[in-house]
Amino acid sequence: MLVDLHVHIKKRSRCAKHDHIEIAMKAKAVGLDGVVLLDHHYYLEEKELQEAQEASGIKIFRGIELSVKVREDAISGISSGANDVVLVSPVNPTFDCGDYHKPISHKKLPDLIRFSKDNGGLTILAHPFRKDKPLAINPCGLDCVEIASKSTNVKNRSKILELAEHYDMKCVSTSDSHRTRHLGNYCIDLDYDVEDETELSKAVRNGNFTLLERRLAPVLHCSRN
């Protein structure tokens, strides 16, 4: 089952160009069996989920991308910065602040991880070392890390592998699509079909998938978790 775990709709993403129905139909056209539709600090409504599934005939899973901010602390010496975390969730997360411009504090990250575990969800550290910036948050407790996407530099793959090993995270490949042409360029091939976010999250956490690039070729050196 080919699934893209990180696909944006234009509800909140300034650079996204397509709505949930357009994305779902294109995903079907390029051969995907399912997509996680999400946006920055926005969780897909039930009506939008049903519309996308009925239009495309593929599985639509819901998620949200949250920017987690570390603010500069003169006492501890912690530098300011932010990293994005994708949450695949069967229920609406309480962390949706409703504002793309307002990241959540890193102090809430443990609560986010706990929420995911309590509700059968999945947490993914999105595009680490983007633009060669150092990691801002402590990823301990997150389930996965993106090792391949349109927003993840190939030169950082070895560094991401080390990060994944150190924090016991699965490596996943996602498109981070903001336009239909990006859909499925990186995705995962699940070993079996799943019906909802809980089953999808469990399969990924257990490593029951292969990483794919261009929907065909295993990601170099990372074909299996």
Foldseek 3Di string as FASTA:
>chain_A
DWEFEAAEAVPPDPLFDHHLQVLLQLLLVLPHQEYAYEEELDWDDPVSLVNNCVNHVHHYFIKYKAKEWEDQDPVVRQHTDIWIKIKGFPDDDPLRPVDNVDGHYLVCVVVVLVVQVVGLMAMEGEQACFVPDHDRHDCASHAAYELEEPRHDVVCNVVVVVVCVVRVHAYAHHHNHSYSVSHPQKTKAAQDDDRYRNRVRVSVSVFRIFIDGHNDHGDPPRGGD
